[in-house]
Protein backbone atom coordinates (compact mmCIF):
# COMPACT_ATOMS: atom_id res chain seq x y z
CA UNK A 1 0.00 0.00 0.00
CA UNK A 2 2.95 2.36 0.58
CA UNK A 3 4.45 1.81 -2.86
CA UNK A 4 7.81 0.65 -1.56
CA UNK A 5 10.41 -0.08 -4.25
CA UNK A 6 13.88 -1.62 -4.07
CA UNK A 7 16.53 0.75 -2.78
CA UNK A 8 14.18 3.19 -1.06
CA UNK A 9 15.26 4.68 2.25
CA UNK A 10 12.54 3.97 4.85
CA UNK A 11 12.09 4.95 8.50
CA UNK A 12 10.34 2.69 11.03
CA UNK A 13 9.13 4.94 13.87
CA UNK A 14 9.02 3.07 17.18
CA UNK A 15 10.55 -0.09 15.71
CA UNK A 16 10.80 -2.26 18.83
CA UNK A 17 13.24 -5.09 18.06
CA UNK A 18 12.65 -4.63 14.32
CA UNK A 19 10.52 -7.63 13.37
CA UNK A 20 8.36 -5.77 10.85
CA UNK A 21 11.42 -3.86 9.56
CA UNK A 22 13.21 -7.12 8.74
CA UNK A 23 10.16 -8.56 6.97
CA UNK A 24 9.52 -5.39 4.99
CA UNK A 25 13.20 -5.05 4.04
CA UNK A 26 13.40 -8.69 2.97
CA UNK A 27 10.26 -8.66 0.85
CA UNK A 28 10.52 -5.17 -0.68
CA UNK A 29 14.33 -4.83 -0.81
CA UNK A 30 14.33 -1.41 0.86
CA UNK A 31 16.80 0.00 3.39
CA UNK A 32 15.23 0.61 6.78
CA UNK A 33 16.35 2.70 9.72
CA UNK A 34 14.46 1.77 12.87
CA UNK A 35 14.02 4.44 15.54
CA UNK A 36 13.56 3.39 19.16
CA UNK A 37 14.22 4.85 22.60
CA UNK A 38 15.02 1.51 24.28
CA UNK A 39 18.69 0.46 24.36
CA UNK A 40 17.93 -3.21 25.02
CA UNK A 41 15.50 -3.48 22.09
CA UNK A 42 17.97 -1.72 19.76
CA UNK A 43 20.79 -4.06 20.76
CA UNK A 44 18.57 -7.15 20.42
CA UNK A 45 17.14 -5.96 17.09
CA UNK A 46 20.54 -5.24 15.58
CA UNK A 47 21.68 -8.69 16.76
CA UNK A 48 18.73 -10.24 14.92
CA UNK A 49 19.47 -8.11 11.83
CA UNK A 50 22.96 -9.56 11.70
CA UNK A 51 21.78 -13.10 12.56
CA UNK A 52 19.35 -13.07 9.62
CA UNK A 53 21.79 -11.44 7.20
CA UNK A 54 19.85 -8.18 7.04
CA UNK A 55 22.32 -5.88 8.81
CA UNK A 56 23.20 -4.17 5.51
CA UNK A 57 19.51 -3.31 4.97
CA UNK A 58 18.14 -2.76 8.49
CA UNK A 59 19.77 -0.74 11.25
CA UNK A 60 18.12 0.31 14.50
CA UNK A 61 19.15 3.56 16.19
CA UNK A 62 18.32 5.25 19.47
CA UNK A 63 16.24 8.39 19.35
CA UNK A 64 13.16 10.27 20.41
CA UNK A 65 10.36 10.32 17.86
CA UNK A 66 9.25 13.67 19.26
CA UNK A 67 12.67 15.17 18.36
CA UNK A 68 14.14 13.18 15.49
CA UNK A 69 17.82 13.61 14.81
CA UNK A 70 17.64 13.10 11.04
CA UNK A 71 18.15 15.57 8.24
CA UNK A 72 14.90 17.04 6.88
CA UNK A 73 13.49 15.26 3.82
CA UNK A 74 15.82 12.27 4.21
CA UNK A 75 13.39 9.33 3.87
CA UNK A 76 11.38 8.13 0.87
CA UNK A 77 8.80 6.55 3.15
CA UNK A 78 8.01 6.34 6.86
CA UNK A 79 5.81 3.94 8.75
CA UNK A 80 4.73 3.38 12.34
CA UNK A 81 3.05 0.29 13.75
CA UNK A 82 1.30 0.69 17.11
CA UNK A 83 3.91 3.27 18.15
CA UNK A 84 2.69 6.85 17.73
CA UNK A 85 -0.13 6.19 20.21
CA UNK A 86 2.58 6.55 22.88
CA UNK A 87 3.30 10.16 21.86
CA UNK A 88 2.18 12.91 24.22
CA UNK A 89 1.00 14.83 21.14
CA UNK A 90 0.06 13.37 17.77
CA UNK A 91 0.80 16.68 16.07
CA UNK A 92 4.27 16.51 17.62
CA UNK A 93 5.20 13.06 16.35
CA UNK A 94 3.42 13.47 13.01
CA UNK A 95 5.16 16.82 12.53
CA UNK A 96 8.55 15.18 13.06
CA UNK A 97 7.62 12.45 10.57
CA UNK A 98 6.48 15.04 8.03
CA UNK A 99 9.78 16.89 8.47
CA UNK A 100 12.01 13.87 7.70
CA UNK A 101 9.86 12.60 4.82
CA UNK A 102 10.82 13.66 1.31
CA UNK A 103 8.19 15.67 -0.61
CA UNK A 104 5.82 13.22 -2.26
CA UNK A 105 6.86 10.47 0.17
CA UNK A 106 4.43 8.16 1.94
CA UNK A 107 3.65 7.77 5.63
CA UNK A 108 1.83 4.57 6.57
CA UNK A 109 0.50 4.18 10.09
CA UNK A 110 -1.26 1.30 11.82
CA UNK A 111 -2.45 2.52 15.17
CA UNK A 112 -4.76 2.00 18.11
CA UNK A 113 -7.44 4.71 18.07
CA UNK A 114 -11.00 4.91 19.32
CA UNK A 115 -13.81 4.99 16.78
CA UNK A 116 -16.68 7.47 16.85
CA UNK A 117 -18.80 4.68 18.35
CA UNK A 118 -16.79 4.82 21.58
CA UNK A 119 -18.76 6.24 24.50
CA UNK A 120 -16.57 7.31 27.44
CA UNK A 121 -19.59 7.14 29.76
CA UNK A 122 -20.37 3.51 28.84
CA UNK A 123 -18.71 1.26 31.49
CA UNK A 124 -18.30 -1.64 29.02
CA UNK A 125 -16.64 0.61 26.44
CA UNK A 126 -14.35 2.09 29.11
CA UNK A 127 -13.43 -1.42 30.36
CA UNK A 128 -12.40 -2.52 26.85
CA UNK A 129 -10.42 0.69 26.21
CA UNK A 130 -8.72 0.45 29.60
CA UNK A 131 -7.72 -3.17 28.91
CA UNK A 132 -6.07 -2.14 25.64
CA UNK A 133 -4.37 0.85 27.26
CA UNK A 134 -2.99 -1.24 30.16
CA UNK A 135 -2.02 -4.17 27.92
CA UNK A 136 -0.10 -1.96 25.49
CA UNK A 137 1.23 0.63 27.93
CA UNK A 138 -0.82 3.42 26.34
CA UNK A 139 -1.48 6.44 28.56
CA UNK A 140 -4.82 7.27 26.85
CA UNK A 141 -5.95 6.36 23.35
CA UNK A 142 -6.87 9.16 21.00
CA UNK A 143 -10.00 9.08 18.86
CA UNK A 144 -9.66 8.45 15.14
CA UNK A 145 -10.90 12.01 14.54
CA UNK A 146 -8.07 13.43 16.66
CA UNK A 147 -5.50 11.35 14.74
CA UNK A 148 -6.89 12.37 11.35
CA UNK A 149 -7.00 16.04 12.36
CA UNK A 150 -3.39 15.84 13.61
CA UNK A 151 -2.21 14.31 10.32
CA UNK A 152 -3.92 17.05 8.31
CA UNK A 153 -2.73 19.81 10.66
CA UNK A 154 0.94 18.98 10.04
CA UNK A 155 0.44 18.79 6.27
CA UNK A 156 -0.40 15.19 5.39
CA UNK A 157 -3.03 14.33 2.80
CA UNK A 158 -4.90 11.16 3.71
CA UNK A 159 -5.21 8.91 0.67
CA UNK A 160 -6.38 5.73 2.37
CA UNK A 161 -7.94 4.92 5.72
CA UNK A 162 -9.48 1.74 7.06
CA UNK A 163 -11.05 0.79 10.39
CA UNK A 164 -9.90 -2.77 11.12
CA UNK A 165 -12.43 -3.07 13.94
CA UNK A 166 -15.24 -2.64 11.39
CA UNK A 167 -14.54 -5.66 9.20
CA UNK A 168 -17.71 -7.67 9.87
CA UNK A 169 -15.53 -10.47 11.27
CA UNK A 170 -17.08 -13.64 12.65
CA UNK A 171 -15.54 -12.74 16.00
CA UNK A 172 -15.70 -8.93 16.40
CA UNK A 173 -13.13 -6.83 18.22
């Protein structure tokens, strides 16, 4: 969906130990820099990169996604998987992403957000949200509307959006 092509320079924001980065690099033949603030995860991830022969394509570095230490417009594409929800401000992290992304580049994000069906005053809704927040170490989930507004505020144009909780699955979320 992000239009990745061999040789592109890609940033993984909040990469953890780099599992998705290694898979994406292997299957799309791109070069990925993973950004993480956890020394242990960076060390472990770079060990795995070398173990799987991907250390020339994937490298994890320490940094703060609210203050990225990369040159402006230095990545062809950026993605974040269940990471930006930990930001104190979506505009802050999305603004940093926008800054390091080349003009015309793509930002793909897969994130926990609350739908417009969420009712803060409904105890069952709150119980489910709280379980997700505790389980994933999320201070407080933002609504999808807040995330979309933040993306647009910093300059992104949304070309594709999908609510994975609204898939008419046999077993709903």
